[in-house]
Amino acid sequence: MTTILRAYTRAVRSLLQRSVLAHFLWPMLVATAAWVTIGILFWERLARIFAAFARHYLPLAAARRDLAEHALATSLKIALYLMSIPLTVVTTIFLVEIVALPFILDHVSKRDYPYLEVRHGGSQWQSLRNTLLSSAIAAAITIVALPLWLLPGIGVVISLALSAWLNYRSFRYDVLMKHADAVELVGLPASHRKRLLLLSLGASLISLVPGAILFAVPFVGLSFVHYLLPALERSREQTVHANLPR
């Protein structure tokens, strides 16, 4: 738990640097503006269409059927807006990884971990492939689980879980792809999987605070940087000590 809290503290410090904040902020502004616009233009209309379609299958009297249709439309609209959170996260991660993340990782690693050896175990293409695959899986889960979003509180839980899982899937690779070798790139995240998921879930809670979703993805990304790079340093030190002659 101490390592997670330390990663959070260092992530806040890095996030407050002007150059880092600027490169993380614009992808989130673009993604948030896009999904808010889509929500305003389409979510209410889509919810009404679904509710009107379901009306014909409600075994109720006409008066109750109208009330049920209105309640269903309202619930669907809320569910669709909740779905916008992981969709915004997916879009932001995609933009960050393609444009902003290489600069940010290089900047933060040189500033905070200047002596960590670079071994180039990953590639930008594999990073993109990993993100696209993760996004496709998350989209499929979102569609399959759509009825559950109508249950009170369940939509928030699903949204947080999907956001945490997406961040974990993406950043575990992206943070290490330059510094780790091929073995470390697979082995290190696997050995820290539970803590990384907990770190991602804790950082994703920021998205529930109004307006704070703009900082959720960069905070998670930097938390992964400040967790995984020190973990990589410690792992290599332990390997060196283990191989010393006795």
C-alpha atoms as a PDB file:
ATOM      1  CA  MET A   1       0.000   0.000   0.000  1.00  0.00           C
ATOM      2  CA  THR A   2       2.916   2.316   0.722  1.00  0.00           C
ATOM      3  CA  THR A   3       4.232   1.958  -2.826  1.00  0.00           C
ATOM      4  CA  ILE A   4       0.794   2.840  -4.234  1.00  0.00           C
ATOM      5  CA  LEU A   5       0.475   5.946  -2.057  1.00  0.00           C
ATOM      6  CA  ARG A   6       4.009   6.977  -3.009  1.00  0.00           C
ATOM      7  CA  ALA A   7       3.131   6.557  -6.694  1.00  0.00           C
ATOM      8  CA  TYR A   8       0.048   8.765  -6.216  1.00  0.00           C
ATOM      9  CA  THR A   9       2.092  11.464  -4.490  1.00  0.00           C
ATOM     10  CA  ARG A  10       4.741  11.500  -7.201  1.00  0.00           C
ATOM     11  CA  ALA A  11       2.041  11.462  -9.902  1.00  0.00           C
ATOM     12  CA  VAL A  12       0.512  14.645  -8.467  1.00  0.00           C
ATOM     13  CA  ARG A  13       3.936  16.284  -8.402  1.00  0.00           C
ATOM     14  CA  SER A  14       4.600  15.338 -12.026  1.00  0.00           C
ATOM     15  CA  LEU A  15       1.111  16.356 -13.112  1.00  0.00           C
ATOM     16  CA  LEU A  16       1.660  19.864 -11.781  1.00  0.00           C
ATOM     17  CA  GLN A  17       4.593  20.391 -14.127  1.00  0.00           C
ATOM     18  CA  ARG A  18       3.403  22.700 -16.884  1.00  0.00           C
ATOM     19  CA  SER A  19       4.866  20.758 -19.816  1.00  0.00           C
ATOM     20  CA  VAL A  20       3.427  17.440 -18.598  1.00  0.00           C
ATOM     21  CA  LEU A  21       0.010  18.891 -17.803  1.00  0.00           C
ATOM     22  CA  ALA A  22      -0.294  20.518 -21.221  1.00  0.00           C
ATOM     23  CA  HIS A  23       0.414  17.267 -23.091  1.00  0.00           C
ATOM     24  CA  PHE A  24      -2.052  15.310 -20.963  1.00  0.00           C
ATOM     25  CA  LEU A  25      -4.749  17.948 -20.881  1.00  0.00           C
ATOM     26  CA  TRP A  26      -5.515  18.534 -24.546  1.00  0.00           C
ATOM     27  CA  PRO A  27      -6.381  14.871 -25.380  1.00  0.00           C
ATOM     28  CA  MET A  28      -8.801  14.792 -22.450  1.00  0.00           C
ATOM     29  CA  LEU A  29     -10.385  18.084 -23.432  1.00  0.00           C
ATOM     30  CA  VAL A  30     -10.900  16.804 -26.981  1.00  0.00           C
ATOM     31  CA  ALA A  31     -12.295  13.430 -25.822  1.00  0.00           C
ATOM     32  CA  THR A  32     -14.542  14.959 -23.171  1.00  0.00           C
ATOM     33  CA  ALA A  33     -15.895  17.597 -25.557  1.00  0.00           C
ATOM     34  CA  ALA A  34     -16.565  14.934 -28.199  1.00  0.00           C
ATOM     35  CA  TRP A  35     -18.530  12.611 -25.907  1.00  0.00           C
ATOM     36  CA  VAL A  36     -20.398  15.419 -24.168  1.00  0.00           C
ATOM     37  CA  THR A  37     -21.469  16.676 -27.602  1.00  0.00           C
ATOM     38  CA  ILE A  38     -22.512  13.176 -28.663  1.00  0.00           C
ATOM     39  CA  GLY A  39     -24.439  12.800 -25.410  1.00  0.00           C
ATOM     40  CA  ILE A  40     -26.281  16.098 -25.826  1.00  0.00           C
ATOM     41  CA  LEU A  41     -27.157  15.356 -29.448  1.00  0.00           C
ATOM     42  CA  PHE A  42     -28.018  11.660 -29.279  1.00  0.00           C
ATOM     43  CA  TRP A  43     -28.364  10.124 -25.792  1.00  0.00           C
ATOM     44  CA  GLU A  44     -31.848  11.473 -24.978  1.00  0.00           C
ATOM     45  CA  ARG A  45     -33.131  10.649 -28.454  1.00  0.00           C
ATOM     46  CA  LEU A  46     -31.646   7.153 -28.323  1.00  0.00           C
ATOM     47  CA  ALA A  47     -33.114   6.548 -24.850  1.00  0.00           C
ATOM     48  CA  ARG A  48     -36.590   7.549 -26.072  1.00  0.00           C
ATOM     49  CA  ILE A  49     -36.330   5.224 -29.074  1.00  0.00           C
ATOM     50  CA  PHE A  50     -35.389   2.273 -26.850  1.00  0.00           C
ATOM     51  CA  ALA A  51     -38.126   3.114 -24.358  1.00  0.00           C
ATOM     52  CA  ALA A  52     -40.771   3.445 -27.089  1.00  0.00           C
ATOM     53  CA  PHE A  53     -39.687   0.104 -28.528  1.00  0.00           C
ATOM     54  CA  ALA A  54     -39.903  -1.537 -25.089  1.00  0.00           C
ATOM     55  CA  ARG A  55     -43.354  -0.020 -24.493  1.00  0.00           C
ATOM     56  CA  HIS A  56     -44.953  -2.527 -26.820  1.00  0.00           C
ATOM     57  CA  TYR A  57     -43.642  -5.375 -24.688  1.00  0.00           C
ATOM     58  CA  LEU A  58     -44.729  -4.010 -21.290  1.00  0.00           C
ATOM     59  CA  PRO A  59     -47.747  -5.994 -20.012  1.00  0.00           C
ATOM     60  CA  LEU A  60     -49.327  -2.960 -18.338  1.00  0.00           C
ATOM     61  CA  ALA A  61     -52.432  -0.811 -18.667  1.00  0.00           C
ATOM     62  CA  ALA A  62     -52.122   2.238 -20.927  1.00  0.00           C
ATOM     63  CA  ALA A  63     -51.696   4.765 -18.080  1.00  0.00           C
ATOM     64  CA  ARG A  64     -49.058   2.697 -16.336  1.00  0.00           C
ATOM     65  CA  ARG A  65     -47.409   1.940 -19.640  1.00  0.00           C
ATOM     66  CA  ASP A  66     -46.837   5.666 -20.275  1.00  0.00           C
ATOM     67  CA  LEU A  67     -45.335   6.064 -16.798  1.00  0.00           C
ATOM     68  CA  ALA A  68     -43.146   3.001 -17.258  1.00  0.00           C
ATOM     69  CA  GLU A  69     -41.959   4.278 -20.644  1.00  0.00           C
ATOM     70  CA  HIS A  70     -40.967   7.635 -19.119  1.00  0.00           C
ATOM     71  CA  ALA A  71     -39.126   5.934 -16.241  1.00  0.00           C
ATOM     72  CA  LEU A  72     -37.343   3.596 -18.637  1.00  0.00           C
ATOM     73  CA  ALA A  73     -36.313   6.492 -20.917  1.00  0.00           C
ATOM     74  CA  THR A  74     -34.904   8.378 -17.926  1.00  0.00           C
ATOM     75  CA  SER A  75     -33.008   5.317 -16.695  1.00  0.00           C
ATOM     76  CA  LEU A  76     -31.612   4.652 -20.172  1.00  0.00           C
ATOM     77  CA  LYS A  77     -30.454   8.241 -20.516  1.00  0.00           C
ATOM     78  CA  ILE A  78     -28.640   8.042 -17.168  1.00  0.00           C
ATOM     79  CA  ALA A  79     -27.081   4.715 -18.207  1.00  0.00           C
ATOM     80  CA  LEU A  80     -25.890   6.165 -21.515  1.00  0.00           C
ATOM     81  CA  TYR A  81     -24.304   9.139 -19.767  1.00  0.00           C
ATOM     82  CA  LEU A  82     -22.563   6.788 -17.339  1.00  0.00           C
ATOM     83  CA  MET A  83     -21.283   4.815 -20.332  1.00  0.00           C
ATOM     84  CA  SER A  84     -19.708   8.046 -21.564  1.00  0.00           C
ATOM     85  CA  ILE A  85     -17.132   7.847 -18.749  1.00  0.00           C
ATOM     86  CA  PRO A  86     -15.319   4.685 -19.976  1.00  0.00           C
ATOM     87  CA  LEU A  87     -15.830   5.822 -23.578  1.00  0.00           C
ATOM     88  CA  THR A  88     -14.129   9.121 -22.737  1.00  0.00           C
ATOM     89  CA  VAL A  89     -11.343   7.189 -21.013  1.00  0.00           C
ATOM     90  CA  VAL A  90     -10.866   4.968 -24.087  1.00  0.00           C
ATOM     91  CA  THR A  91     -10.713   7.966 -26.428  1.00  0.00           C
ATOM     92  CA  THR A  92      -8.362   9.867 -24.139  1.00  0.00           C
ATOM     93  CA  ILE A  93      -6.029   6.903 -23.710  1.00  0.00           C
ATOM     94  CA  PHE A  94      -5.939   6.440 -27.485  1.00  0.00           C
ATOM     95  CA  LEU A  95      -5.010  10.111 -28.083  1.00  0.00           C
ATOM     96  CA  VAL A  96      -2.541  10.172 -25.201  1.00  0.00           C
ATOM     97  CA  GLU A  97      -0.769   7.016 -26.352  1.00  0.00           C
ATOM     98  CA  ILE A  98      -0.451   8.098 -29.966  1.00  0.00           C
ATOM     99  CA  VAL A  99       0.628  11.693 -29.421  1.00  0.00           C
ATOM    100  CA  ALA A 100       1.339  12.702 -25.842  1.00  0.00           C
ATOM    101  CA  LEU A 101       2.608   9.678 -23.932  1.00  0.00           C
ATOM    102  CA  PRO A 102       5.990   9.202 -25.647  1.00  0.00           C
ATOM    103  CA  PHE A 103       6.961  12.782 -24.787  1.00  0.00           C
ATOM    104  CA  ILE A 104       5.620  12.557 -21.230  1.00  0.00           C
ATOM    105  CA  LEU A 105       7.332   9.261 -20.439  1.00  0.00           C
ATOM    106  CA  ASP A 106      10.613  10.514 -21.826  1.00  0.00           C
ATOM    107  CA  HIS A 107      10.342  13.750 -19.859  1.00  0.00           C
ATOM    108  CA  VAL A 108       9.358  12.144 -16.522  1.00  0.00           C
ATOM    109  CA  SER A 109      11.819   9.248 -16.779  1.00  0.00           C
ATOM    110  CA  LYS A 110      14.740  11.556 -17.558  1.00  0.00           C
ATOM    111  CA  ARG A 111      13.792  13.851 -14.712  1.00  0.00           C
ATOM    112  CA  ASP A 112      12.995  11.279 -12.007  1.00  0.00           C
ATOM    113  CA  TYR A 113      14.755   8.080 -13.150  1.00  0.00           C
ATOM    114  CA  PRO A 114      17.832   9.241 -15.070  1.00  0.00           C
ATOM    115  CA  TYR A 115      19.916   6.158 -14.223  1.00  0.00           C
ATOM    116  CA  LEU A 116      17.376   3.549 -15.296  1.00  0.00           C
ATOM    117  CA  GLU A 117      18.767   1.622 -18.270  1.00  0.00           C
ATOM    118  CA  VAL A 118      16.745   1.740 -21.496  1.00  0.00           C
ATOM    119  CA  ARG A 119      16.348  -1.698 -23.130  1.00  0.00           C
ATOM    120  CA  HIS A 120      13.575  -1.112 -25.737  1.00  0.00           C
ATOM    121  CA  GLY A 121      11.559  -4.292 -25.140  1.00  0.00           C
ATOM    122  CA  GLY A 122       8.353  -2.919 -26.668  1.00  0.00           C
ATOM    123  CA  SER A 123       7.206  -0.885 -29.632  1.00  0.00           C
ATOM    124  CA  GLN A 124       4.683   1.819 -30.466  1.00  0.00           C
ATOM    125  CA  TRP A 125       2.907  -0.557 -32.840  1.00  0.00           C
ATOM    126  CA  GLN A 126       2.390  -3.155 -30.102  1.00  0.00           C
ATOM    127  CA  SER A 127       1.179  -0.397 -27.796  1.00  0.00           C
ATOM    128  CA  LEU A 128      -1.428   0.678 -30.345  1.00  0.00           C
ATOM    129  CA  ARG A 129      -2.458  -2.931 -30.984  1.00  0.00           C
ATOM    130  CA  ASN A 130      -2.831  -3.521 -27.242  1.00  0.00           C
ATOM    131  CA  THR A 131      -4.987  -0.409 -26.836  1.00  0.00           C
ATOM    132  CA  LEU A 132      -7.232  -1.236 -29.790  1.00  0.00           C
ATOM    133  CA  LEU A 133      -7.756  -4.800 -28.567  1.00  0.00           C
ATOM    134  CA  SER A 134      -8.498  -3.628 -25.019  1.00  0.00           C
ATOM    135  CA  SER A 135     -10.929  -1.001 -26.321  1.00  0.00           C
ATOM    136  CA  ALA A 136     -12.741  -3.588 -28.462  1.00  0.00           C
ATOM    137  CA  ILE A 137     -13.109  -5.922 -25.471  1.00  0.00           C
ATOM    138  CA  ALA A 138     -14.354  -3.071 -23.276  1.00  0.00           C
ATOM    139  CA  ALA A 139     -16.862  -1.993 -25.943  1.00  0.00           C
ATOM    140  CA  ALA A 140     -18.192  -5.552 -26.224  1.00  0.00           C
ATOM    141  CA  ILE A 141     -18.558  -5.825 -22.432  1.00  0.00           C
ATOM    142  CA  THR A 142     -20.340  -2.459 -22.348  1.00  0.00           C
ATOM    143  CA  ILE A 143     -22.863  -3.565 -24.961  1.00  0.00           C
ATOM    144  CA  VAL A 144     -23.494  -6.971 -23.376  1.00  0.00           C
ATOM    145  CA  ALA A 145     -23.869  -5.424 -19.905  1.00  0.00           C
ATOM    146  CA  LEU A 146     -26.174  -2.607 -21.071  1.00  0.00           C
ATOM    147  CA  PRO A 147     -29.244  -3.904 -19.137  1.00  0.00           C
ATOM    148  CA  LEU A 148     -27.217  -3.877 -15.899  1.00  0.00           C
ATOM    149  CA  TRP A 149     -26.540  -0.152 -16.285  1.00  0.00           C
ATOM    150  CA  LEU A 150     -30.225   0.438 -15.528  1.00  0.00           C
ATOM    151  CA  LEU A 151     -29.886  -0.941 -11.983  1.00  0.00           C
ATOM    152  CA  PRO A 152     -29.180   1.733  -9.318  1.00  0.00           C
ATOM    153  CA  GLY A 153     -25.475   1.926  -8.520  1.00  0.00           C
ATOM    154  CA  ILE A 154     -24.477  -0.891 -10.870  1.00  0.00           C
ATOM    155  CA  GLY A 155     -23.656   1.526 -13.690  1.00  0.00           C
ATOM    156  CA  VAL A 156     -21.153   3.349 -11.478  1.00  0.00           C
ATOM    157  CA  VAL A 157     -19.506   0.067 -10.479  1.00  0.00           C
ATOM    158  CA  ILE A 158     -19.260  -1.145 -14.100  1.00  0.00           C
ATOM    159  CA  SER A 159     -17.939   2.237 -15.244  1.00  0.00           C
ATOM    160  CA  LEU A 160     -15.205   2.257 -12.593  1.00  0.00           C
ATOM    161  CA  ALA A 161     -14.277  -1.376 -13.189  1.00  0.00           C
ATOM    162  CA  LEU A 162     -14.011  -0.906 -16.964  1.00  0.00           C
ATOM    163  CA  SER A 163     -11.997   2.301 -16.600  1.00  0.00           C
ATOM    164  CA  ALA A 164      -9.607   0.663 -14.119  1.00  0.00           C
ATOM    165  CA  TRP A 165      -9.166  -2.406 -16.333  1.00  0.00           C
ATOM    166  CA  LEU A 166      -8.584  -0.309 -19.469  1.00  0.00           C
ATOM    167  CA  ASN A 167      -5.975   1.819 -17.720  1.00  0.00           C
ATOM    168  CA  TYR A 168      -4.249  -1.294 -16.395  1.00  0.00           C
ATOM    169  CA  ARG A 169      -4.206  -3.009 -19.799  1.00  0.00           C
ATOM    170  CA  SER A 170      -2.826   0.057 -21.555  1.00  0.00           C
ATOM    171  CA  PHE A 171      -0.390   1.655 -19.115  1.00  0.00           C
ATOM    172  CA  ARG A 172       1.249  -1.547 -17.858  1.00  0.00           C
ATOM    173  CA  TYR A 173       2.709  -1.906 -21.363  1.00  0.00           C
ATOM    174  CA  ASP A 174       3.201   1.719 -22.378  1.00  0.00           C
ATOM    175  CA  VAL A 175       5.139   2.718 -19.275  1.00  0.00           C
ATOM    176  CA  LEU A 176       7.614  -0.153 -19.619  1.00  0.00           C
ATOM    177  CA  MET A 177       7.946  -0.540 -23.403  1.00  0.00           C
ATOM    178  CA  LYS A 178      11.008   1.719 -23.623  1.00  0.00           C
ATOM    179  CA  HIS A 179      12.910   0.842 -20.446  1.00  0.00           C
ATOM    180  CA  ALA A 180      12.118  -2.869 -20.004  1.00  0.00           C
ATOM    181  CA  ASP A 181      13.400  -5.757 -22.076  1.00  0.00           C
ATOM    182  CA  ALA A 182      11.003  -8.330 -23.537  1.00  0.00           C
ATOM    183  CA  VAL A 183      11.107 -10.564 -20.439  1.00  0.00           C
ATOM    184  CA  GLU A 184      10.646  -7.694 -17.990  1.00  0.00           C
ATOM    185  CA  LEU A 185       7.810  -6.277 -20.072  1.00  0.00           C
ATOM    186  CA  VAL A 186       5.766  -9.424 -19.422  1.00  0.00           C
ATOM    187  CA  GLY A 187       7.053 -10.545 -16.042  1.00  0.00           C
ATOM    188  CA  LEU A 188       7.060  -7.320 -14.036  1.00  0.00           C
ATOM    189  CA  PRO A 189       3.375  -6.353 -14.555  1.00  0.00           C
ATOM    190  CA  ALA A 190       2.365  -9.975 -13.957  1.00  0.00           C
ATOM    191  CA  SER A 191       4.138 -10.048 -10.586  1.00  0.00           C
ATOM    192  CA  HIS A 192       2.463  -6.758  -9.553  1.00  0.00           C
ATOM    193  CA  ARG A 193      -0.945  -7.394 -11.136  1.00  0.00           C
ATOM    194  CA  LYS A 194      -3.104  -7.097  -8.008  1.00  0.00           C
ATOM    195  CA  ARG A 195      -1.418  -3.918  -6.830  1.00  0.00           C
ATOM    196  CA  LEU A 196      -1.562  -2.362 -10.294  1.00  0.00           C
ATOM    197  CA  LEU A 197      -5.292  -3.080 -10.544  1.00  0.00           C
ATOM    198  CA  LEU A 198      -5.804  -1.585  -7.084  1.00  0.00           C
ATOM    199  CA  LEU A 199      -3.719   1.451  -8.062  1.00  0.00           C
ATOM    200  CA  SER A 200      -5.742   1.878 -11.251  1.00  0.00           C
ATOM    201  CA  LEU A 201      -9.071   1.489  -9.456  1.00  0.00           C
ATOM    202  CA  GLY A 202      -8.119   3.994  -6.750  1.00  0.00           C
ATOM    203  CA  ALA A 203      -6.950   6.550  -9.295  1.00  0.00           C
ATOM    204  CA  SER A 204     -10.077   5.992 -11.409  1.00  0.00           C
ATOM    205  CA  LEU A 205     -12.278   7.142  -8.517  1.00  0.00           C
ATOM    206  CA  ILE A 206     -11.301  10.686  -9.513  1.00  0.00           C
ATOM    207  CA  SER A 207     -13.592  10.354 -12.526  1.00  0.00           C
ATOM    208  CA  LEU A 208     -16.614  10.411 -10.179  1.00  0.00           C
ATOM    209  CA  VAL A 209     -15.783  13.927  -9.002  1.00  0.00           C
ATOM    210  CA  PRO A 210     -17.492  16.533 -11.240  1.00  0.00           C
ATOM    211  CA  GLY A 211     -14.930  18.069 -13.593  1.00  0.00           C
ATOM    212  CA  ALA A 212     -12.089  15.901 -12.279  1.00  0.00           C
ATOM    213  CA  ILE A 213     -12.454  13.381 -15.121  1.00  0.00           C
ATOM    214  CA  LEU A 214     -10.202  15.738 -17.099  1.00  0.00           C
ATOM    215  CA  PHE A 215      -7.337  14.745 -14.796  1.00  0.00           C
ATOM    216  CA  ALA A 216      -8.240  11.085 -14.227  1.00  0.00           C
ATOM    217  CA  VAL A 217      -6.345   9.531 -17.148  1.00  0.00           C
ATOM    218  CA  PRO A 218      -3.136  11.570 -16.760  1.00  0.00           C
ATOM    219  CA  PHE A 219      -3.138  10.888 -13.035  1.00  0.00           C
ATOM    220  CA  VAL A 220      -3.518   7.140 -13.621  1.00  0.00           C
ATOM    221  CA  GLY A 221      -0.815   7.181 -16.306  1.00  0.00           C
ATOM    222  CA  LEU A 222       1.667   9.019 -14.114  1.00  0.00           C
ATOM    223  CA  SER A 223       0.799   6.760 -11.167  1.00  0.00           C
ATOM    224  CA  PHE A 224       1.772   3.778 -13.312  1.00  0.00           C
ATOM    225  CA  VAL A 225       5.020   5.531 -14.259  1.00  0.00           C
ATOM    226  CA  HIS A 226       5.928   6.152 -10.628  1.00  0.00           C
ATOM    227  CA  TYR A 227       4.972   2.635  -9.610  1.00  0.00           C
ATOM    228  CA  LEU A 228       6.452   0.572 -12.429  1.00  0.00           C
ATOM    229  CA  LEU A 229       9.754   2.361 -13.068  1.00  0.00           C
ATOM    230  CA  PRO A 230      10.868   2.168  -9.414  1.00  0.00           C
ATOM    231  CA  ALA A 231       9.660  -1.456  -9.380  1.00  0.00           C
ATOM    232  CA  LEU A 232      11.823  -2.097 -12.448  1.00  0.00           C
ATOM    233  CA  GLU A 233      14.812  -0.532 -10.699  1.00  0.00           C
ATOM    234  CA  ARG A 234      14.299  -2.711  -7.613  1.00  0.00           C
ATOM    235  CA  SER A 235      13.857  -5.832  -9.737  1.00  0.00           C
ATOM    236  CA  ARG A 236      17.140  -5.242 -11.535  1.00  0.00           C
ATOM    237  CA  GLU A 237      18.960  -4.532  -8.269  1.00  0.00           C
ATOM    238  CA  GLN A 238      17.656  -7.789  -6.813  1.00  0.00           C
ATOM    239  CA  THR A 239      18.784  -9.656  -9.923  1.00  0.00           C
ATOM    240  CA  VAL A 240      22.283  -8.165  -9.650  1.00  0.00           C
ATOM    241  CA  HIS A 241      22.550  -9.060  -5.953  1.00  0.00           C
ATOM    242  CA  ALA A 242      21.283 -12.593  -6.614  1.00  0.00           C
ATOM    243  CA  ASN A 243      23.964 -13.138  -9.272  1.00  0.00           C
ATOM    244  CA  LEU A 244      26.863 -11.878  -7.150  1.00  0.00           C
ATOM    245  CA  PRO A 245      29.371 -14.608  -6.242  1.00  0.00           C
ATOM    246  CA  ARG A 246      29.208 -15.748  -2.644  1.00  0.00           C
END
